[in-house]
Amino acid sequence: MTATVTLAHSGARFVVQGRQTILQAALAAGLDLDYSCMQGACGTCKALILAGDVEMEVDPDNKPAIGPKAIERGYRLLCISIPRSPFVEVDL
């Protein structure tokens, strides 16, 4: 799947392709997003999904640094999140 992601505050847009995570695509597009571990363990890349659908690919051997209440409110870790809709809007 190919998806276009928009960052709410800056209006920056970039494309995510295939199994690429939102963070990987943003960095490849030259955007400077906060991150540390790239594996969902630190929580630095937590962001609110304003529109669209994403799926976090959680490694069963590692607990992600985000709780169920944050997920219920629409937050995801961008380093392990893959778009599941053609358009996604993110609030960092």
PDB file of N, CA and C in Angstrom:
ATOM      1  N   MET A   1       0.840  -1.182   0.000  1.00  0.00           N
ATOM      2  CA  MET A   1       0.000   0.000   0.000  1.00  0.00           C
ATOM      3  C   MET A   1       0.882   1.241   0.000  1.00  0.00           C
ATOM      4  N   THR A   2       0.419   2.252  -0.675  1.00  0.00           N
ATOM      5  CA  THR A   2       1.068   3.562  -0.653  1.00  0.00           C
ATOM      6  C   THR A   2       0.122   4.528   0.044  1.00  0.00           C
ATOM      7  N   ALA A   3       0.671   5.320   0.955  1.00  0.00           N
ATOM      8  CA  ALA A   3      -0.148   6.276   1.700  1.00  0.00           C
ATOM      9  C   ALA A   3       0.560   7.622   1.748  1.00  0.00           C
ATOM     10  N   THR A   4      -0.236   8.681   1.790  1.00  0.00           N
ATOM     11  CA  THR A   4       0.293  10.022   1.986  1.00  0.00           C
ATOM     12  C   THR A   4       0.025  10.424   3.429  1.00  0.00           C
ATOM     13  N   VAL A   5       1.080  10.870   4.106  1.00  0.00           N
ATOM     14  CA  VAL A   5       0.965  11.292   5.499  1.00  0.00           C
ATOM     15  C   VAL A   5       1.193  12.794   5.564  1.00  0.00           C
ATOM     16  N   THR A   6       0.344  13.484   6.305  1.00  0.00           N
ATOM     17  CA  THR A   6       0.471  14.921   6.525  1.00  0.00           C
ATOM     18  C   THR A   6       0.719  15.177   7.998  1.00  0.00           C
ATOM     19  N   LEU A   7       1.698  16.037   8.285  1.00  0.00           N
ATOM     20  CA  LEU A   7       1.951  16.473   9.653  1.00  0.00           C
ATOM     21  C   LEU A   7       1.103  17.704   9.910  1.00  0.00           C
ATOM     22  N   ALA A   8       0.236  17.647  10.890  1.00  0.00           N
ATOM     23  CA  ALA A   8      -0.785  18.670  11.116  1.00  0.00           C
ATOM     24  C   ALA A   8      -0.222  20.081  11.276  1.00  0.00           C
ATOM     25  N   HIS A   9       0.764  20.278  12.101  1.00  0.00           N
ATOM     26  CA  HIS A   9       1.226  21.638  12.400  1.00  0.00           C
ATOM     27  C   HIS A   9       2.053  22.256  11.294  1.00  0.00           C
ATOM     28  N   SER A  10       2.920  21.467  10.687  1.00  0.00           N
ATOM     29  CA  SER A  10       3.798  22.023   9.650  1.00  0.00           C
ATOM     30  C   SER A  10       3.184  21.937   8.264  1.00  0.00           C
ATOM     31  N   GLY A  11       2.242  21.020   8.072  1.00  0.00           N
ATOM     32  CA  GLY A  11       1.666  20.807   6.753  1.00  0.00           C
ATOM     33  C   GLY A  11       2.557  19.969   5.848  1.00  0.00           C
ATOM     34  N   ALA A  12       3.691  19.512   6.361  1.00  0.00           N
ATOM     35  CA  ALA A  12       4.593  18.678   5.566  1.00  0.00           C
ATOM     36  C   ALA A  12       3.889  17.389   5.166  1.00  0.00           C
ATOM     37  N   ARG A  13       4.159  16.947   3.939  1.00  0.00           N
ATOM     38  CA  ARG A  13       3.573  15.704   3.437  1.00  0.00           C
ATOM     39  C   ARG A  13       4.673  14.809   2.903  1.00  0.00           C
ATOM     40  N   PHE A  14       4.464  13.518   3.064  1.00  0.00           N
ATOM     41  CA  PHE A  14       5.404  12.545   2.531  1.00  0.00           C
ATOM     42  C   PHE A  14       4.661  11.246   2.251  1.00  0.00           C
ATOM     43  N   VAL A  15       5.293  10.391   1.484  1.00  0.00           N
ATOM     44  CA  VAL A  15       4.672   9.140   1.062  1.00  0.00           C
ATOM     45  C   VAL A  15       5.302   7.976   1.813  1.00  0.00           C
ATOM     46  N   VAL A  16       4.437   7.070   2.243  1.00  0.00           N
ATOM     47  CA  VAL A  16       4.862   5.821   2.886  1.00  0.00           C
ATOM     48  C   VAL A  16       4.523   4.702   1.906  1.00  0.00           C
ATOM     49  N   GLN A  17       5.510   3.847   1.649  1.00  0.00           N
ATOM     50  CA  GLN A  17       5.291   2.772   0.675  1.00  0.00           C
ATOM     51  C   GLN A  17       5.512   1.401   1.292  1.00  0.00           C
ATOM     52  N   GLY A  18       4.650   0.462   0.931  1.00  0.00           N
ATOM     53  CA  GLY A  18       4.801  -0.929   1.349  1.00  0.00           C
ATOM     54  C   GLY A  18       4.801  -1.104   2.854  1.00  0.00           C
ATOM     55  N   ARG A  19       5.799  -1.800   3.367  1.00  0.00           N
ATOM     56  CA  ARG A  19       5.903  -2.115   4.787  1.00  0.00           C
ATOM     57  C   ARG A  19       6.695  -1.061   5.561  1.00  0.00           C
ATOM     58  N   GLN A  20       6.953   0.070   4.937  1.00  0.00           N
ATOM     59  CA  GLN A  20       7.701   1.158   5.574  1.00  0.00           C
ATOM     60  C   GLN A  20       6.875   1.755   6.711  1.00  0.00           C
ATOM     61  N   THR A  21       7.534   2.095   7.816  1.00  0.00           N
ATOM     62  CA  THR A  21       6.829   2.759   8.910  1.00  0.00           C
ATOM     63  C   THR A  21       6.715   4.249   8.610  1.00  0.00           C
ATOM     64  N   ILE A  22       5.834   4.913   9.321  1.00  0.00           N
ATOM     65  CA  ILE A  22       5.669   6.355   9.136  1.00  0.00           C
ATOM     66  C   ILE A  22       6.973   7.079   9.463  1.00  0.00           C
ATOM     67  N   LEU A  23       7.646   6.672  10.526  1.00  0.00           N
ATOM     68  CA  LEU A  23       8.901   7.323  10.892  1.00  0.00           C
ATOM     69  C   LEU A  23       9.971   7.101   9.824  1.00  0.00           C
ATOM     70  N   GLN A  24      10.109   5.884   9.322  1.00  0.00           N
ATOM     71  CA  GLN A  24      11.093   5.611   8.279  1.00  0.00           C
ATOM     72  C   GLN A  24      10.854   6.502   7.058  1.00  0.00           C
ATOM     73  N   ALA A  25       9.597   6.630   6.656  1.00  0.00           N
ATOM     74  CA  ALA A  25       9.271   7.440   5.480  1.00  0.00           C
ATOM     75  C   ALA A  25       9.541   8.921   5.729  1.00  0.00           C
ATOM     76  N   ALA A  26       9.214   9.392   6.925  1.00  0.00           N
ATOM     77  CA  ALA A  26       9.460  10.802   7.253  1.00  0.00           C
ATOM     78  C   ALA A  26      10.951  11.116   7.219  1.00  0.00           C
ATOM     79  N   LEU A  27      11.759  10.243   7.789  1.00  0.00           N
ATOM     80  CA  LEU A  27      13.208  10.455   7.787  1.00  0.00           C
ATOM     81  C   LEU A  27      13.762  10.387   6.369  1.00  0.00           C
ATOM     82  N   ALA A  28      13.267   9.455   5.559  1.00  0.00           N
ATOM     83  CA  ALA A  28      13.707   9.340   4.169  1.00  0.00           C
ATOM     84  C   ALA A  28      13.340  10.584   3.366  1.00  0.00           C
ATOM     85  N   ALA A  29      12.248  11.259   3.762  1.00  0.00           N
ATOM     86  CA  ALA A  29      11.814  12.483   3.089  1.00  0.00           C
ATOM     87  C   ALA A  29      12.574  13.713   3.588  1.00  0.00           C
ATOM     88  N   GLY A  30      13.486  13.504   4.534  1.00  0.00           N
ATOM     89  CA  GLY A  30      14.301  14.604   5.035  1.00  0.00           C
ATOM     90  C   GLY A  30      13.692  15.378   6.188  1.00  0.00           C
ATOM     91  N   LEU A  31      12.624  14.847   6.788  1.00  0.00           N
ATOM     92  CA  LEU A  31      11.995  15.520   7.922  1.00  0.00           C
ATOM     93  C   LEU A  31      12.722  15.166   9.216  1.00  0.00           C
ATOM     94  N   ASP A  32      12.735  16.093  10.134  1.00  0.00           N
ATOM     95  CA  ASP A  32      13.439  15.913  11.405  1.00  0.00           C
ATOM     96  C   ASP A  32      12.423  15.654  12.508  1.00  0.00           C
ATOM     97  N   LEU A  33      12.076  14.378  12.709  1.00  0.00           N
ATOM     98  CA  LEU A  33      11.132  14.003  13.758  1.00  0.00           C
ATOM     99  C   LEU A  33      11.891  13.438  14.948  1.00  0.00           C
ATOM    100  N   ASP A  34      11.322  13.615  16.134  1.00  0.00           N
ATOM    101  CA  ASP A  34      11.936  13.066  17.340  1.00  0.00           C
ATOM    102  C   ASP A  34      11.775  11.548  17.368  1.00  0.00           C
ATOM    103  N   TYR A  35      12.870  10.863  17.656  1.00  0.00           N
ATOM    104  CA  TYR A  35      12.849   9.412  17.827  1.00  0.00           C
ATOM    105  C   TYR A  35      14.120   9.005  18.542  1.00  0.00           C
ATOM    106  N   SER A  36      14.140   7.768  19.003  1.00  0.00           N
ATOM    107  CA  SER A  36      15.341   7.262  19.645  1.00  0.00           C
ATOM    108  C   SER A  36      15.592   5.812  19.250  1.00  0.00           C
ATOM    109  N   CYS A  37      14.719   4.919  19.638  1.00  0.00           N
ATOM    110  CA  CYS A  37      15.020   3.492  19.513  1.00  0.00           C
ATOM    111  C   CYS A  37      14.635   2.861  18.174  1.00  0.00           C
ATOM    112  N   MET A  38      13.639   3.378  17.493  1.00  0.00           N
ATOM    113  CA  MET A  38      13.114   2.828  16.231  1.00  0.00           C
ATOM    114  C   MET A  38      12.445   1.452  16.399  1.00  0.00           C
ATOM    115  N   GLN A  39      12.138   1.056  17.639  1.00  0.00           N
ATOM    116  CA  GLN A  39      11.548  -0.264  17.874  1.00  0.00           C
ATOM    117  C   GLN A  39      10.334  -0.224  18.793  1.00  0.00           C
ATOM    118  N   GLY A  40       9.850   0.957  19.134  1.00  0.00           N
ATOM    119  CA  GLY A  40       8.682   1.060  20.000  1.00  0.00           C
ATOM    120  C   GLY A  40       8.966   0.958  21.478  1.00  0.00           C
ATOM    121  N   ALA A  41      10.231   0.945  21.865  1.00  0.00           N
ATOM    122  CA  ALA A  41      10.583   0.738  23.270  1.00  0.00           C
ATOM    123  C   ALA A  41      10.710   2.020  24.076  1.00  0.00           C
ATOM    124  N   CYS A  42      10.913   3.176  23.418  1.00  0.00           N
ATOM    125  CA  CYS A  42      11.194   4.395  24.187  1.00  0.00           C
ATOM    126  C   CYS A  42      10.010   5.364  24.270  1.00  0.00           C
ATOM    127  N   GLY A  43       9.134   5.369  23.283  1.00  0.00           N
ATOM    128  CA  GLY A  43       7.980   6.262  23.295  1.00  0.00           C
ATOM    129  C   GLY A  43       8.248   7.661  22.781  1.00  0.00           C
ATOM    130  N   THR A  44       9.452   7.951  22.340  1.00  0.00           N
ATOM    131  CA  THR A  44       9.800   9.298  21.875  1.00  0.00           C
ATOM    132  C   THR A  44       8.975   9.726  20.668  1.00  0.00           C
ATOM    133  N   CYS A  45       8.614   8.799  19.813  1.00  0.00           N
ATOM    134  CA  CYS A  45       7.912   9.131  18.568  1.00  0.00           C
ATOM    135  C   CYS A  45       6.385   9.042  18.693  1.00  0.00           C
ATOM    136  N   LYS A  46       5.871   9.057  19.903  1.00  0.00           N
ATOM    137  CA  LYS A  46       4.413   8.977  20.106  1.00  0.00           C
ATOM    138  C   LYS A  46       3.731  10.174  19.468  1.00  0.00           C
ATOM    139  N   ALA A  47       2.667   9.916  18.724  1.00  0.00           N
ATOM    140  CA  ALA A  47       1.931  10.978  18.036  1.00  0.00           C
ATOM    141  C   ALA A  47       0.453  10.617  17.984  1.00  0.00           C
ATOM    142  N   LEU A  48      -0.367  11.644  17.853  1.00  0.00           N
ATOM    143  CA  LEU A  48      -1.814  11.467  17.755  1.00  0.00           C
ATOM    144  C   LEU A  48      -2.203  11.322  16.287  1.00  0.00           C
ATOM    145  N   ILE A  49      -2.955  10.284  15.979  1.00  0.00           N
ATOM    146  CA  ILE A  49      -3.453  10.087  14.619  1.00  0.00           C
ATOM    147  C   ILE A  49      -4.781  10.827  14.516  1.00  0.00           C
ATOM    148  N   LEU A  50      -4.794  11.902  13.730  1.00  0.00           N
ATOM    149  CA  LEU A  50      -5.995  12.738  13.587  1.00  0.00           C
ATOM    150  C   LEU A  50      -6.953  12.210  12.532  1.00  0.00           C
ATOM    151  N   ALA A  51      -6.415  11.591  11.496  1.00  0.00           N
ATOM    152  CA  ALA A  51      -7.253  11.069  10.408  1.00  0.00           C
ATOM    153  C   ALA A  51      -6.560   9.865   9.798  1.00  0.00           C
ATOM    154  N   GLY A  52      -7.353   8.969   9.258  1.00  0.00           N
ATOM    155  CA  GLY A  52      -6.807   7.771   8.648  1.00  0.00           C
ATOM    156  C   GLY A  52      -6.643   6.661   9.670  1.00  0.00           C
ATOM    157  N   ASP A  53      -6.039   5.582   9.210  1.00  0.00           N
ATOM    158  CA  ASP A  53      -5.887   4.401  10.049  1.00  0.00           C
ATOM    159  C   ASP A  53      -4.460   3.897   9.942  1.00  0.00           C
ATOM    160  N   VAL A  54      -3.868   3.565  11.073  1.00  0.00           N
ATOM    161  CA  VAL A  54      -2.538   2.960  11.103  1.00  0.00           C
ATOM    162  C   VAL A  54      -2.569   1.748  12.013  1.00  0.00           C
ATOM    163  N   GLU A  55      -1.641   0.844  11.776  1.00  0.00           N
ATOM    164  CA  GLU A  55      -1.509  -0.343  12.613  1.00  0.00           C
ATOM    165  C   GLU A  55      -0.100  -0.363  13.184  1.00  0.00           C
ATOM    166  N   MET A  56      -0.007  -0.528  14.486  1.00  0.00           N
ATOM    167  CA  MET A  56       1.302  -0.671  15.106  1.00  0.00           C
ATOM    168  C   MET A  56       1.705  -2.139  15.029  1.00  0.00           C
ATOM    169  N   GLU A  57       2.868  -2.385  14.482  1.00  0.00           N
ATOM    170  CA  GLU A  57       3.390  -3.742  14.396  1.00  0.00           C
ATOM    171  C   GLU A  57       4.240  -3.998  15.626  1.00  0.00           C
ATOM    172  N   VAL A  58       3.634  -4.606  16.627  1.00  0.00           N
ATOM    173  CA  VAL A  58       4.266  -4.822  17.920  1.00  0.00           C
ATOM    174  C   VAL A  58       5.002  -6.155  17.913  1.00  0.00           C
ATOM    175  N   ASP A  59       6.261  -6.118  18.302  1.00  0.00           N
ATOM    176  CA  ASP A  59       7.058  -7.329  18.459  1.00  0.00           C
ATOM    177  C   ASP A  59       6.561  -8.047  19.712  1.00  0.00           C
ATOM    178  N   PRO A  60       6.137  -9.295  19.603  1.00  0.00           N
ATOM    179  CA  PRO A  60       5.595  -9.996  20.775  1.00  0.00           C
ATOM    180  C   PRO A  60       6.600 -10.164  21.907  1.00  0.00           C
ATOM    181  N   ASP A  61       7.891 -10.031  21.613  1.00  0.00           N
ATOM    182  CA  ASP A  61       8.914 -10.165  22.649  1.00  0.00           C
ATOM    183  C   ASP A  61       9.216  -8.853  23.367  1.00  0.00           C
ATOM    184  N   ASN A  62       8.692  -7.741  22.845  1.00  0.00           N
ATOM    185  CA  ASN A  62       8.952  -6.423  23.440  1.00  0.00           C
ATOM    186  C   ASN A  62       7.645  -5.693  23.694  1.00  0.00           C
ATOM    187  N   LYS A  63       7.468  -5.205  24.898  1.00  0.00           N
ATOM    188  CA  LYS A  63       6.285  -4.430  25.228  1.00  0.00           C
ATOM    189  C   LYS A  63       6.476  -3.002  24.701  1.00  0.00           C
ATOM    190  N   PRO A  64       5.523  -2.477  23.929  1.00  0.00           N
ATOM    191  CA  PRO A  64       5.677  -1.112  23.408  1.00  0.00           C
ATOM    192  C   PRO A  64       5.549  -0.064  24.520  1.00  0.00           C
ATOM    193  N   ALA A  65       6.189   1.062  24.302  1.00  0.00           N
ATOM    194  CA  ALA A  65       6.202   2.154  25.288  1.00  0.00           C
ATOM    195  C   ALA A  65       4.980   3.040  25.128  1.00  0.00           C
ATOM    196  N   ILE A  66       3.826   2.412  25.068  1.00  0.00           N
ATOM    197  CA  ILE A  66       2.555   3.139  24.976  1.00  0.00           C
ATOM    198  C   ILE A  66       1.496   2.251  25.629  1.00  0.00           C
ATOM    199  N   GLY A  67       0.659   2.863  26.439  1.00  0.00           N
ATOM    200  CA  GLY A  67      -0.351   2.099  27.158  1.00  0.00           C
ATOM    201  C   GLY A  67      -1.677   2.039  26.427  1.00  0.00           C
ATOM    202  N   PRO A  68      -2.553   1.163  26.875  1.00  0.00           N
ATOM    203  CA  PRO A  68      -3.852   1.000  26.228  1.00  0.00           C
ATOM    204  C   PRO A  68      -4.714   2.256  26.253  1.00  0.00           C
ATOM    205  N   LYS A  69      -4.620   3.063  27.307  1.00  0.00           N
ATOM    206  CA  LYS A  69      -5.423   4.293  27.360  1.00  0.00           C
ATOM    207  C   LYS A  69      -4.974   5.285  26.292  1.00  0.00           C
ATOM    208  N   ALA A  70      -3.664   5.408  26.074  1.00  0.00           N
ATOM    209  CA  ALA A  70      -3.156   6.300  25.022  1.00  0.00           C
ATOM    210  C   ALA A  70      -3.589   5.795  23.649  1.00  0.00           C
ATOM    211  N   ILE A  71      -3.561   4.498  23.456  1.00  0.00           N
ATOM    212  CA  ILE A  71      -3.994   3.924  22.185  1.00  0.00           C
ATOM    213  C   ILE A  71      -5.480   4.191  21.966  1.00  0.00           C
ATOM    214  N   GLU A  72      -6.285   4.053  23.004  1.00  0.00           N
ATOM    215  CA  GLU A  72      -7.725   4.342  22.902  1.00  0.00           C
ATOM    216  C   GLU A  72      -7.974   5.789  22.488  1.00  0.00           C
ATOM    217  N   ARG A  73      -7.117   6.708  22.940  1.00  0.00           N
ATOM    218  CA  ARG A  73      -7.267   8.129  22.604  1.00  0.00           C
ATOM    219  C   ARG A  73      -6.712   8.459  21.228  1.00  0.00           C
ATOM    220  N   GLY A  74      -6.122   7.476  20.540  1.00  0.00           N
ATOM    221  CA  GLY A  74      -5.664   7.682  19.169  1.00  0.00           C
ATOM    222  C   GLY A  74      -4.170   7.863  19.002  1.00  0.00           C
ATOM    223  N   TYR A  75      -3.401   7.677  20.058  1.00  0.00           N
ATOM    224  CA  TYR A  75      -1.950   7.811  19.960  1.00  0.00           C
ATOM    225  C   TYR A  75      -1.324   6.523  19.443  1.00  0.00           C
ATOM    226  N   ARG A  76      -0.240   6.693  18.685  1.00  0.00           N
ATOM    227  CA  ARG A  76       0.528   5.566  18.174  1.00  0.00           C
ATOM    228  C   ARG A  76       2.004   5.919  18.198  1.00  0.00           C
ATOM    229  N   LEU A  77       2.851   4.897  18.140  1.00  0.00           N
ATOM    230  CA  LEU A  77       4.293   5.085  18.019  1.00  0.00           C
ATOM    231  C   LEU A  77       4.629   5.030  16.530  1.00  0.00           C
ATOM    232  N   LEU A  78       5.143   6.121  15.991  1.00  0.00           N
ATOM    233  CA  LEU A  78       5.375   6.211  14.556  1.00  0.00           C
ATOM    234  C   LEU A  78       6.449   5.259  14.057  1.00  0.00           C
ATOM    235  N   CYS A  79       7.355   4.853  14.944  1.00  0.00           N
ATOM    236  CA  CYS A  79       8.450   3.967  14.522  1.00  0.00           C
ATOM    237  C   CYS A  79       7.981   2.548  14.219  1.00  0.00           C
ATOM    238  N   ILE A  80       6.799   2.175  14.698  1.00  0.00           N
ATOM    239  CA  ILE A  80       6.273   0.833  14.432  1.00  0.00           C
ATOM    240  C   ILE A  80       4.882   0.889  13.804  1.00  0.00           C
ATOM    241  N   SER A  81       4.500   2.071  13.283  1.00  0.00           N
ATOM    242  CA  SER A  81       3.163   2.241  12.710  1.00  0.00           C
ATOM    243  C   SER A  81       3.211   2.283  11.193  1.00  0.00           C
ATOM    244  N   ILE A  82       2.346   1.473  10.593  1.00  0.00           N
ATOM    245  CA  ILE A  82       2.233   1.392   9.141  1.00  0.00           C
ATOM    246  C   ILE A  82       0.819   1.821   8.758  1.00  0.00           C
ATOM    247  N   PRO A  83       0.694   2.735   7.781  1.00  0.00           N
ATOM    248  CA  PRO A  83      -0.642   3.178   7.355  1.00  0.00           C
ATOM    249  C   PRO A  83      -1.487   2.034   6.817  1.00  0.00           C
ATOM    250  N   ARG A  84      -2.760   2.083   7.123  1.00  0.00           N
ATOM    251  CA  ARG A  84      -3.743   1.128   6.616  1.00  0.00           C
ATOM    252  C   ARG A  84      -4.832   1.845   5.823  1.00  0.00           C
ATOM    253  N   SER A  85      -4.621   3.123   5.556  1.00  0.00           N
ATOM    254  CA  SER A  85      -5.534   3.900   4.724  1.00  0.00           C
ATOM    255  C   SER A  85      -4.669   4.776   3.812  1.00  0.00           C
ATOM    256  N   PRO A  86      -5.217   5.256   2.691  1.00  0.00           N
ATOM    257  CA  PRO A  86      -4.420   6.008   1.725  1.00  0.00           C
ATOM    258  C   PRO A  86      -3.943   7.374   2.234  1.00  0.00           C
ATOM    259  N   PHE A  87      -4.640   7.920   3.212  1.00  0.00           N
ATOM    260  CA  PHE A  87      -4.267   9.231   3.767  1.00  0.00           C
ATOM    261  C   PHE A  87      -4.275   9.140   5.286  1.00  0.00           C
ATOM    262  N   VAL A  88      -3.238   9.719   5.893  1.00  0.00           N
ATOM    263  CA  VAL A  88      -3.123   9.748   7.349  1.00  0.00           C
ATOM    264  C   VAL A  88      -2.683  11.150   7.745  1.00  0.00           C
ATOM    265  N   GLU A  89      -3.282  11.697   8.799  1.00  0.00           N
ATOM    266  CA  GLU A  89      -2.853  12.979   9.350  1.00  0.00           C
ATOM    267  C   GLU A  89      -2.389  12.747  10.777  1.00  0.00           C
ATOM    268  N   VAL A  90      -1.222  13.301  11.095  1.00  0.00           N
ATOM    269  CA  VAL A  90      -0.556  13.059  12.373  1.00  0.00           C
ATOM    270  C   VAL A  90      -0.298  14.379  13.079  1.00  0.00           C
ATOM    271  N   ASP A  91      -0.545  14.404  14.389  1.00  0.00           N
ATOM    272  CA  ASP A  91      -0.226  15.559  15.225  1.00  0.00           C
ATOM    273  C   ASP A  91       0.909  15.146  16.144  1.00  0.00           C
ATOM    274  N   LEU A  92       2.069  15.778  15.949  1.00  0.00           N
ATOM    275  CA  LEU A  92       3.256  15.418  16.748  1.00  0.00           C
ATOM    276  C   LEU A  92       3.227  16.092  18.090  1.00  0.00           C
TER     277      LEU A  92
END
